[in-house]
PDB file of N, CA and C in Angstrom:
ATOM      1  N   MET A   1     -41.846  66.549  32.452  1.00  0.00           N
ATOM      2  CA  MET A   1     -42.639  66.267  34.402  1.00  0.00           C
ATOM      3  C   MET A   1     -42.520  64.667  34.466  1.00  0.00           C
ATOM      4  N   THR A   2     -41.641  63.961  35.569  1.00  0.00           N
ATOM      5  CA  THR A   2     -41.515  62.768  35.306  1.00  0.00           C
ATOM      6  C   THR A   2     -42.548  62.522  37.279  1.00  0.00           C
ATOM      7  N   SER A   3     -43.381  61.800  37.276  1.00  0.00           N
ATOM      8  CA  SER A   3     -43.907  61.968  38.884  1.00  0.00           C
ATOM      9  C   SER A   3     -43.184  61.012  39.024  1.00  0.00           C
ATOM     10  N   PRO A   4     -43.164  61.013  40.743  1.00  0.00           N
ATOM     11  CA  PRO A   4     -41.894  60.233  41.573  1.00  0.00           C
ATOM     12  C   PRO A   4     -42.146  58.866  42.129  1.00  0.00           C
ATOM     13  N   ASP A   5     -43.311  58.224  41.592  1.00  0.00           N
ATOM     14  CA  ASP A   5     -43.776  56.779  40.794  1.00  0.00           C
ATOM     15  C   ASP A   5     -42.825  56.557  39.919  1.00  0.00           C
ATOM     16  N   VAL A   6     -42.456  57.304  39.954  1.00  0.00           N
ATOM     17  CA  VAL A   6     -42.325  56.236  38.546  1.00  0.00           C
ATOM     18  C   VAL A   6     -40.287  56.624  38.961  1.00  0.00           C
ATOM     19  N   PRO A   7     -39.246  54.971  38.595  1.00  0.00           N
ATOM     20  CA  PRO A   7     -38.279  54.066  38.774  1.00  0.00           C
ATOM     21  C   PRO A   7     -37.331  55.259  38.187  1.00  0.00           C
ATOM     22  N   ASP A   8     -36.791  55.542  38.133  1.00  0.00           N
ATOM     23  CA  ASP A   8     -35.816  56.331  37.652  1.00  0.00           C
ATOM     24  C   ASP A   8     -34.208  55.217  38.150  1.00  0.00           C
ATOM     25  N   PRO A   9     -33.225  54.886  36.367  1.00  0.00           N
ATOM     26  CA  PRO A   9     -32.843  54.008  36.389  1.00  0.00           C
ATOM     27  C   PRO A   9     -31.249  54.245  36.811  1.00  0.00           C
ATOM     28  N   THR A  10     -31.551  56.082  36.859  1.00  0.00           N
ATOM     29  CA  THR A  10     -29.870  56.785  37.105  1.00  0.00           C
ATOM     30  C   THR A  10     -30.191  56.711  39.571  1.00  0.00           C
ATOM     31  N   ARG A  11     -31.096  56.845  39.425  1.00  0.00           N
ATOM     32  CA  ARG A  11     -30.915  57.505  41.464  1.00  0.00           C
ATOM     33  C   ARG A  11     -30.159  56.815  42.035  1.00  0.00           C
ATOM     34  N   GLY A  12     -30.628  54.952  42.099  1.00  0.00           N
ATOM     35  CA  GLY A  12     -29.809  54.258  42.607  1.00  0.00           C
ATOM     36  C   GLY A  12     -28.091  55.016  42.245  1.00  0.00           C
ATOM     37  N   VAL A  13     -27.643  54.811  41.533  1.00  0.00           N
ATOM     38  CA  VAL A  13     -25.822  54.558  41.268  1.00  0.00           C
ATOM     39  C   VAL A  13     -25.771  56.129  40.245  1.00  0.00           C
ATOM     40  N   ALA A  14     -26.039  57.061  41.023  1.00  0.00           N
ATOM     41  CA  ALA A  14     -25.606  57.592  40.908  1.00  0.00           C
ATOM     42  C   ALA A  14     -24.132  57.439  40.987  1.00  0.00           C
ATOM     43  N   GLY A  15     -22.900  58.499  40.524  1.00  0.00           N
ATOM     44  CA  GLY A  15     -21.728  59.009  41.123  1.00  0.00           C
ATOM     45  C   GLY A  15     -21.135  57.642  40.572  1.00  0.00           C
ATOM     46  N   LEU A  16     -21.648  55.941  40.240  1.00  0.00           N
ATOM     47  CA  LEU A  16     -20.545  55.333  40.129  1.00  0.00           C
ATOM     48  C   LEU A  16     -19.366  55.378  39.427  1.00  0.00           C
ATOM     49  N   ALA A  17     -18.924  56.955  38.664  1.00  0.00           N
ATOM     50  CA  ALA A  17     -18.105  56.765  37.656  1.00  0.00           C
ATOM     51  C   ALA A  17     -17.179  57.263  37.684  1.00  0.00           C
ATOM     52  N   VAL A  18     -17.578  57.531  39.687  1.00  0.00           N
ATOM     53  CA  VAL A  18     -16.006  58.128  40.357  1.00  0.00           C
ATOM     54  C   VAL A  18     -15.660  57.031  40.918  1.00  0.00           C
ATOM     55  N   TRP A  19     -16.850  55.903  41.343  1.00  0.00           N
ATOM     56  CA  TRP A  19     -16.180  54.897  41.581  1.00  0.00           C
ATOM     57  C   TRP A  19     -14.811  54.341  40.145  1.00  0.00           C
ATOM     58  N   PHE A  20     -15.709  53.744  39.436  1.00  0.00           N
ATOM     59  CA  PHE A  20     -14.875  52.916  38.752  1.00  0.00           C
ATOM     60  C   PHE A  20     -13.327  53.815  38.759  1.00  0.00           C
ATOM     61  N   GLY A  21     -13.457  55.116  38.281  1.00  0.00           N
ATOM     62  CA  GLY A  21     -12.351  56.160  37.599  1.00  0.00           C
ATOM     63  C   GLY A  21     -11.083  56.105  39.604  1.00  0.00           C
ATOM     64  N   GLY A  22     -11.824  55.743  40.547  1.00  0.00           N
ATOM     65  CA  GLY A  22     -11.288  56.584  40.980  1.00  0.00           C
ATOM     66  C   GLY A  22     -10.921  54.612  41.369  1.00  0.00           C
ATOM     67  N   LEU A  23     -11.393  53.229  41.415  1.00  0.00           N
ATOM     68  CA  LEU A  23     -10.549  52.411  41.707  1.00  0.00           C
ATOM     69  C   LEU A  23      -9.081  51.765  40.809  1.00  0.00           C
ATOM     70  N   SER A  24      -9.583  52.355  39.453  1.00  0.00           N
ATOM     71  CA  SER A  24      -8.892  52.080  38.687  1.00  0.00           C
ATOM     72  C   SER A  24      -7.577  52.321  38.264  1.00  0.00           C
ATOM     73  N   VAL A  25      -7.581  53.601  39.611  1.00  0.00           N
ATOM     74  CA  VAL A  25      -6.413  54.954  39.563  1.00  0.00           C
ATOM     75  C   VAL A  25      -6.642  54.189  40.735  1.00  0.00           C
ATOM     76  N   ALA A  26      -6.817  54.228  41.498  1.00  0.00           N
ATOM     77  CA  ALA A  26      -5.718  53.005  43.353  1.00  0.00           C
ATOM     78  C   ALA A  26      -4.802  51.742  43.078  1.00  0.00           C
ATOM     79  N   CYS A  27      -5.936  50.852  42.024  1.00  0.00           N
ATOM     80  CA  CYS A  27      -4.722  49.885  42.119  1.00  0.00           C
ATOM     81  C   CYS A  27      -3.389  49.827  41.321  1.00  0.00           C
ATOM     82  N   TRP A  28      -3.592  50.841  41.121  1.00  0.00           N
ATOM     83  CA  TRP A  28      -1.763  51.162  41.071  1.00  0.00           C
ATOM     84  C   TRP A  28      -1.309  51.559  41.217  1.00  0.00           C
ATOM     85  N   PHE A  29      -1.261  52.715  42.505  1.00  0.00           N
ATOM     86  CA  PHE A  29      -0.876  53.058  43.723  1.00  0.00           C
ATOM     87  C   PHE A  29      -1.191  51.888  44.616  1.00  0.00           C
ATOM     88  N   CYS A  30      -1.521  50.391  44.774  1.00  0.00           N
ATOM     89  CA  CYS A  30      -1.958  49.735  45.914  1.00  0.00           C
ATOM     90  C   CYS A  30      -1.142  48.005  45.365  1.00  0.00           C
ATOM     91  N   CYS A  31      -1.090  48.114  44.430  1.00  0.00           N
ATOM     92  CA  CYS A  31      -0.421  46.098  43.986  1.00  0.00           C
ATOM     93  C   CYS A  31       0.618  46.371  43.417  1.00  0.00           C
ATOM     94  N   PRO A  32       1.013  45.604  43.576  1.00  0.00           N
ATOM     95  CA  PRO A  32       2.442  46.016  43.353  1.00  0.00           C
ATOM     96  C   PRO A  32       3.029  44.902  42.892  1.00  0.00           C
ATOM     97  N   PHE A  33       2.169  44.146  41.514  1.00  0.00           N
ATOM     98  CA  PHE A  33       1.194  43.189  40.977  1.00  0.00           C
ATOM     99  C   PHE A  33       0.923  43.808  39.254  1.00  0.00           C
ATOM    100  N   TRP A  34       2.168  44.859  38.997  1.00  0.00           N
ATOM    101  CA  TRP A  34       0.890  45.436  37.562  1.00  0.00           C
ATOM    102  C   TRP A  34       1.295  44.298  36.554  1.00  0.00           C
ATOM    103  N   MET A  35       1.299  43.282  35.975  1.00  0.00           N
ATOM    104  CA  MET A  35       1.536  41.895  35.276  1.00  0.00           C
ATOM    105  C   MET A  35      -0.635  41.795  35.668  1.00  0.00           C
ATOM    106  N   LEU A  36      -0.372  41.706  37.184  1.00  0.00           N
ATOM    107  CA  LEU A  36      -2.385  41.276  37.704  1.00  0.00           C
ATOM    108  C   LEU A  36      -3.390  42.864  36.999  1.00  0.00           C
ATOM    109  N   VAL A  37      -2.469  44.021  37.452  1.00  0.00           N
ATOM    110  CA  VAL A  37      -2.955  45.871  37.976  1.00  0.00           C
ATOM    111  C   VAL A  37      -3.576  45.897  36.901  1.00  0.00           C
ATOM    112  N   TRP A  38      -3.127  45.342  35.793  1.00  0.00           N
ATOM    113  CA  TRP A  38      -4.297  46.078  34.103  1.00  0.00           C
ATOM    114  C   TRP A  38      -4.513  45.467  33.270  1.00  0.00           C
ATOM    115  N   PHE A  39      -5.099  44.095  34.322  1.00  0.00           N
ATOM    116  CA  PHE A  39      -5.684  43.267  33.641  1.00  0.00           C
ATOM    117  C   PHE A  39      -7.122  43.452  34.925  1.00  0.00           C
ATOM    118  N   VAL A  40      -7.224  43.432  35.684  1.00  0.00           N
ATOM    119  CA  VAL A  40      -8.302  44.816  36.561  1.00  0.00           C
ATOM    120  C   VAL A  40      -9.101  46.501  36.407  1.00  0.00           C
ATOM    121  N   SER A  41      -7.870  46.899  36.451  1.00  0.00           N
ATOM    122  CA  SER A  41      -7.109  48.123  36.047  1.00  0.00           C
ATOM    123  C   SER A  41      -8.533  48.636  34.109  1.00  0.00           C
ATOM    124  N   LEU A  42      -7.996  48.146  33.537  1.00  0.00           N
ATOM    125  CA  LEU A  42      -8.619  48.224  31.819  1.00  0.00           C
ATOM    126  C   LEU A  42      -9.711  47.925  32.355  1.00  0.00           C
ATOM    127  N   PRO A  43     -10.379  47.348  32.651  1.00  0.00           N
ATOM    128  CA  PRO A  43     -11.883  46.938  32.228  1.00  0.00           C
ATOM    129  C   PRO A  43     -12.094  48.178  33.064  1.00  0.00           C
ATOM    130  N   LEU A  44     -11.958  48.036  34.542  1.00  0.00           N
ATOM    131  CA  LEU A  44     -12.728  48.443  35.572  1.00  0.00           C
ATOM    132  C   LEU A  44     -12.730  50.642  34.729  1.00  0.00           C
ATOM    133  N   ALA A  45     -11.889  50.826  34.117  1.00  0.00           N
ATOM    134  CA  ALA A  45     -11.510  52.209  34.110  1.00  0.00           C
ATOM    135  C   ALA A  45     -12.621  52.078  32.599  1.00  0.00           C
ATOM    136  N   LEU A  46     -12.431  51.127  32.374  1.00  0.00           N
ATOM    137  CA  LEU A  46     -13.517  51.714  30.794  1.00  0.00           C
ATOM    138  C   LEU A  46     -14.665  50.937  30.927  1.00  0.00           C
ATOM    139  N   ALA A  47     -15.681  50.391  31.957  1.00  0.00           N
ATOM    140  CA  ALA A  47     -16.261  50.385  32.476  1.00  0.00           C
ATOM    141  C   ALA A  47     -16.790  51.535  33.293  1.00  0.00           C
ATOM    142  N   GLY A  48     -15.725  53.219  33.927  1.00  0.00           N
ATOM    143  CA  GLY A  48     -15.835  54.128  34.257  1.00  0.00           C
ATOM    144  C   GLY A  48     -15.647  55.340  33.411  1.00  0.00           C
ATOM    145  N   MET A  49     -15.364  55.149  32.374  1.00  0.00           N
ATOM    146  CA  MET A  49     -16.697  55.884  31.027  1.00  0.00           C
ATOM    147  C   MET A  49     -17.697  55.639  30.671  1.00  0.00           C
ATOM    148  N   VAL A  50     -17.907  55.222  30.574  1.00  0.00           N
ATOM    149  CA  VAL A  50     -18.988  54.408  29.701  1.00  0.00           C
ATOM    150  C   VAL A  50     -19.954  55.171  30.787  1.00  0.00           C
ATOM    151  N   ARG A  51     -20.192  54.509  31.934  1.00  0.00           N
ATOM    152  CA  ARG A  51     -21.006  55.331  33.274  1.00  0.00           C
ATOM    153  C   ARG A  51     -20.369  56.757  34.264  1.00  0.00           C
ATOM    154  N   ALA A  52     -19.324  57.237  33.345  1.00  0.00           N
ATOM    155  CA  ALA A  52     -19.874  58.791  33.421  1.00  0.00           C
ATOM    156  C   ALA A  52     -20.136  59.312  31.998  1.00  0.00           C
ATOM    157  N   TYR A  53     -19.935  58.599  30.455  1.00  0.00           N
ATOM    158  CA  TYR A  53     -20.714  60.185  29.423  1.00  0.00           C
ATOM    159  C   TYR A  53     -22.580  59.253  30.380  1.00  0.00           C
ATOM    160  N   ILE A  54     -22.857  58.190  30.332  1.00  0.00           N
ATOM    161  CA  ILE A  54     -24.413  58.182  31.184  1.00  0.00           C
ATOM    162  C   ILE A  54     -24.385  58.866  31.973  1.00  0.00           C
ATOM    163  N   GLU A  55     -24.068  58.904  32.812  1.00  0.00           N
ATOM    164  CA  GLU A  55     -24.005  60.509  33.745  1.00  0.00           C
ATOM    165  C   GLU A  55     -24.461  61.754  33.502  1.00  0.00           C
ATOM    166  N   TYR A  56     -23.219  62.402  32.309  1.00  0.00           N
ATOM    167  CA  TYR A  56     -23.277  63.736  31.874  1.00  0.00           C
ATOM    168  C   TYR A  56     -24.552  63.429  30.834  1.00  0.00           C
ATOM    169  N   ARG A  57     -24.651  62.458  30.596  1.00  0.00           N
ATOM    170  CA  ARG A  57     -25.585  62.913  29.628  1.00  0.00           C
ATOM    171  C   ARG A  57     -27.452  62.930  30.623  1.00  0.00           C
ATOM    172  N   ALA A  58     -27.232  62.458  31.179  1.00  0.00           N
ATOM    173  CA  ALA A  58     -28.348  62.325  31.710  1.00  0.00           C
ATOM    174  C   ALA A  58     -29.981  62.916  31.972  1.00  0.00           C
ATOM    175  N   PRO A  59     -30.871  63.502  32.303  1.00  0.00           N
ATOM    176  CA  PRO A  59     -31.688  64.305  31.836  1.00  0.00           C
ATOM    177  C   PRO A  59     -32.292  64.714  33.535  1.00  0.00           C
ATOM    178  N   GLY A  60     -33.487  65.085  33.486  1.00  0.00           N
ATOM    179  CA  GLY A  60     -33.754  65.414  34.910  1.00  0.00           C
ATOM    180  C   GLY A  60     -32.480  66.079  35.985  1.00  0.00           C
ATOM    181  N   PRO A  61     -33.685  66.565  37.551  1.00  0.00           N
ATOM    182  CA  PRO A  61     -33.064  67.326  38.489  1.00  0.00           C
ATOM    183  C   PRO A  61     -32.060  65.673  39.222  1.00  0.00           C
ATOM    184  N   GLU A  62     -32.311  64.523  39.214  1.00  0.00           N
ATOM    185  CA  GLU A  62     -32.163  64.037  39.919  1.00  0.00           C
ATOM    186  C   GLU A  62     -30.433  63.471  39.689  1.00  0.00           C
ATOM    187  N   ARG A  63     -29.994  63.624  38.097  1.00  0.00           N
ATOM    188  CA  ARG A  63     -28.872  63.404  37.764  1.00  0.00           C
ATOM    189  C   ARG A  63     -28.071  63.923  39.027  1.00  0.00           C
ATOM    190  N   THR A  64     -26.700  62.358  38.829  1.00  0.00           N
ATOM    191  CA  THR A  64     -25.765  63.126  39.746  1.00  0.00           C
ATOM    192  C   THR A  64     -25.514  64.801  39.464  1.00  0.00           C
ATOM    193  N   SER A  65     -24.369  65.563  39.238  1.00  0.00           N
ATOM    194  CA  SER A  65     -23.802  66.444  39.064  1.00  0.00           C
ATOM    195  C   SER A  65     -22.675  66.753  37.439  1.00  0.00           C
ATOM    196  N   ARG A  66     -23.039  67.319  36.627  1.00  0.00           N
ATOM    197  CA  ARG A  66     -22.137  67.009  35.578  1.00  0.00           C
ATOM    198  C   ARG A  66     -21.121  67.111  36.198  1.00  0.00           C
ATOM    199  N   SER A  67     -19.873  67.736  37.392  1.00  0.00           N
ATOM    200  CA  SER A  67     -18.490  67.901  37.756  1.00  0.00           C
ATOM    201  C   SER A  67     -18.192  66.293  38.164  1.00  0.00           C
ATOM    202  N   ARG A  68     -19.018  65.930  38.669  1.00  0.00           N
ATOM    203  CA  ARG A  68     -18.349  64.463  39.155  1.00  0.00           C
ATOM    204  C   ARG A  68     -18.492  63.654  38.151  1.00  0.00           C
ATOM    205  N   ALA A  69     -19.821  63.220  38.749  1.00  0.00           N
ATOM    206  CA  ALA A  69     -19.064  62.437  35.927  1.00  0.00           C
ATOM    207  C   ALA A  69     -17.684  63.268  35.420  1.00  0.00           C
ATOM    208  N   VAL A  70     -17.251  64.242  35.534  1.00  0.00           N
ATOM    209  CA  VAL A  70     -16.673  64.110  34.225  1.00  0.00           C
ATOM    210  C   VAL A  70     -14.974  64.340  34.802  1.00  0.00           C
ATOM    211  N   VAL A  71     -15.448  64.686  36.754  1.00  0.00           N
ATOM    212  CA  VAL A  71     -14.049  64.248  37.733  1.00  0.00           C
ATOM    213  C   VAL A  71     -14.136  62.043  37.419  1.00  0.00           C
ATOM    214  N   GLY A  72     -14.501  61.341  37.215  1.00  0.00           N
ATOM    215  CA  GLY A  72     -15.395  60.543  36.945  1.00  0.00           C
ATOM    216  C   GLY A  72     -14.617  59.838  35.876  1.00  0.00           C
ATOM    217  N   GLY A  73     -15.077  60.330  34.413  1.00  0.00           N
ATOM    218  CA  GLY A  73     -14.411  60.524  33.556  1.00  0.00           C
ATOM    219  C   GLY A  73     -12.490  60.045  33.379  1.00  0.00           C
ATOM    220  N   VAL A  74     -12.323  61.475  34.042  1.00  0.00           N
ATOM    221  CA  VAL A  74     -11.502  61.471  34.056  1.00  0.00           C
ATOM    222  C   VAL A  74     -10.413  60.394  35.136  1.00  0.00           C
ATOM    223  N   LEU A  75     -11.075  60.842  36.176  1.00  0.00           N
ATOM    224  CA  LEU A  75      -9.920  59.222  36.717  1.00  0.00           C
ATOM    225  C   LEU A  75     -10.138  57.878  35.770  1.00  0.00           C
ATOM    226  N   SER A  76     -11.102  57.579  34.928  1.00  0.00           N
ATOM    227  CA  SER A  76     -11.243  56.788  34.479  1.00  0.00           C
ATOM    228  C   SER A  76      -9.900  56.861  32.546  1.00  0.00           C
ATOM    229  N   LEU A  77      -9.716  58.012  32.302  1.00  0.00           N
ATOM    230  CA  LEU A  77      -9.039  58.387  31.624  1.00  0.00           C
ATOM    231  C   LEU A  77      -7.726  58.087  31.662  1.00  0.00           C
ATOM    232  N   VAL A  78      -6.877  58.090  32.788  1.00  0.00           N
ATOM    233  CA  VAL A  78      -5.716  57.559  33.726  1.00  0.00           C
ATOM    234  C   VAL A  78      -6.097  56.288  34.058  1.00  0.00           C
ATOM    235  N   GLY A  79      -6.637  56.103  34.682  1.00  0.00           N
ATOM    236  CA  GLY A  79      -6.409  54.159  35.113  1.00  0.00           C
ATOM    237  C   GLY A  79      -6.268  53.645  33.347  1.00  0.00           C
ATOM    238  N   ALA A  80      -6.890  54.195  32.172  1.00  0.00           N
ATOM    239  CA  ALA A  80      -6.837  53.015  31.763  1.00  0.00           C
ATOM    240  C   ALA A  80      -5.564  53.663  30.550  1.00  0.00           C
ATOM    241  N   ALA A  81      -5.458  54.671  30.340  1.00  0.00           N
ATOM    242  CA  ALA A  81      -3.822  55.622  30.445  1.00  0.00           C
ATOM    243  C   ALA A  81      -2.585  54.562  30.454  1.00  0.00           C
ATOM    244  N   ALA A  82      -2.487  54.721  32.185  1.00  0.00           N
ATOM    245  CA  ALA A  82      -1.855  53.818  32.780  1.00  0.00           C
ATOM    246  C   ALA A  82      -1.483  52.666  32.181  1.00  0.00           C
ATOM    247  N   ALA A  83      -3.002  51.720  32.145  1.00  0.00           N
ATOM    248  CA  ALA A  83      -2.797  50.332  31.842  1.00  0.00           C
ATOM    249  C   ALA A  83      -2.839  50.402  30.202  1.00  0.00           C
ATOM    250  N   ILE A  84      -2.731  51.358  29.212  1.00  0.00           N
ATOM    251  CA  ILE A  84      -2.599  51.130  27.795  1.00  0.00           C
ATOM    252  C   ILE A  84      -1.062  50.701  28.400  1.00  0.00           C
ATOM    253  N   ALA A  85      -0.886  52.340  28.432  1.00  0.00           N
ATOM    254  CA  ALA A  85       0.488  52.836  29.070  1.00  0.00           C
ATOM    255  C   ALA A  85       1.553  51.811  29.176  1.00  0.00           C
ATOM    256  N   TYR A  86       1.195  50.799  30.186  1.00  0.00           N
ATOM    257  CA  TYR A  86       1.741  49.877  30.614  1.00  0.00           C
ATOM    258  C   TYR A  86       2.903  48.469  29.551  1.00  0.00           C
ATOM    259  N   LEU A  87       1.214  47.877  29.464  1.00  0.00           N
ATOM    260  CA  LEU A  87       0.826  46.943  28.170  1.00  0.00           C
ATOM    261  C   LEU A  87       2.272  47.030  27.172  1.00  0.00           C
ATOM    262  N   ILE A  88       2.151  48.496  26.259  1.00  0.00           N
ATOM    263  CA  ILE A  88       2.735  49.025  25.334  1.00  0.00           C
ATOM    264  C   ILE A  88       4.368  49.108  25.998  1.00  0.00           C
ATOM    265  N   PHE A  89       4.672  49.642  27.341  1.00  0.00           N
ATOM    266  CA  PHE A  89       6.043  49.347  28.114  1.00  0.00           C
ATOM    267  C   PHE A  89       6.721  47.558  27.462  1.00  0.00           C
ATOM    268  N   LEU A  90       5.623  46.878  28.122  1.00  0.00           N
ATOM    269  CA  LEU A  90       5.824  45.361  28.010  1.00  0.00           C
ATOM    270  C   LEU A  90       6.038  45.105  26.697  1.00  0.00           C
ATOM    271  N   ALA A  91       5.238  45.769  25.640  1.00  0.00           N
ATOM    272  CA  ALA A  91       5.128  45.198  24.066  1.00  0.00           C
ATOM    273  C   ALA A  91       6.726  45.598  23.253  1.00  0.00           C
ATOM    274  N   LEU A  92       7.484  46.284  23.982  1.00  0.00           N
ATOM    275  CA  LEU A  92       8.202  46.854  23.923  1.00  0.00           C
ATOM    276  C   LEU A  92       9.729  46.744  24.555  1.00  0.00           C
ATOM    277  N   HIS A  93       9.433  45.886  25.896  1.00  0.00           N
ATOM    278  CA  HIS A  93      10.080  45.144  26.241  1.00  0.00           C
ATOM    279  C   HIS A  93      10.465  44.197  26.813  1.00  0.00           C
ATOM    280  N   PRO A  94      10.863  43.586  25.894  1.00  0.00           N
ATOM    281  CA  PRO A  94      11.118  41.658  25.787  1.00  0.00           C
ATOM    282  C   PRO A  94      11.325  40.723  26.521  1.00  0.00           C
ATOM    283  N   ASP A  95      11.897  41.505  26.677  1.00  0.00           N
ATOM    284  CA  ASP A  95      13.575  41.038  27.678  1.00  0.00           C
ATOM    285  C   ASP A  95      12.619  40.560  28.572  1.00  0.00           C
ATOM    286  N   LEU A  96      11.790  41.497  29.359  1.00  0.00           N
ATOM    287  CA  LEU A  96      11.652  41.459  31.330  1.00  0.00           C
ATOM    288  C   LEU A  96      10.730  40.008  31.277  1.00  0.00           C
ATOM    289  N   PRO A  97      11.330  40.000  32.776  1.00  0.00           N
ATOM    290  CA  PRO A  97      11.057  38.104  33.232  1.00  0.00           C
ATOM    291  C   PRO A  97       9.832  38.049  33.160  1.00  0.00           C
ATOM    292  N   VAL A  98       8.488  38.341  33.318  1.00  0.00           N
ATOM    293  CA  VAL A  98       7.307  38.494  32.919  1.00  0.00           C
ATOM    294  C   VAL A  98       6.603  37.994  31.468  1.00  0.00           C
ATOM    295  N   GLN A  99       7.483  38.294  30.632  1.00  0.00           N
ATOM    296  CA  GLN A  99       6.400  37.425  29.663  1.00  0.00           C
ATOM    297  C   GLN A  99       7.660  36.210  29.126  1.00  0.00           C
ATOM    298  N   ASP A 100       8.672  35.421  30.046  1.00  0.00           N
ATOM    299  CA  ASP A 100       8.917  34.708  29.979  1.00  0.00           C
ATOM    300  C   ASP A 100       8.155  33.219  29.881  1.00  0.00           C
TER     301      ASP A 100
END
């Protein structure tokens, strides 16, 4: 059991996995320039997955709920999968004007 004066590294940033995952998915719906979106969405999604793992494994009563960490992880996974699928699509279609 920790005392109240000991700073908790997860206290002020609880729930960041949901924000990172949500932003990585929202980028795909908000910006029509997908060539630029994957460049932003993939790092956000990877950071969200790491943060979801940290939030899920965090001990103590101050941690965010595990369901929030799972939701953040799933959103991040969807954002990363969309970015990777788009990159695979670009690699398989070299005739697209975006690669000239």
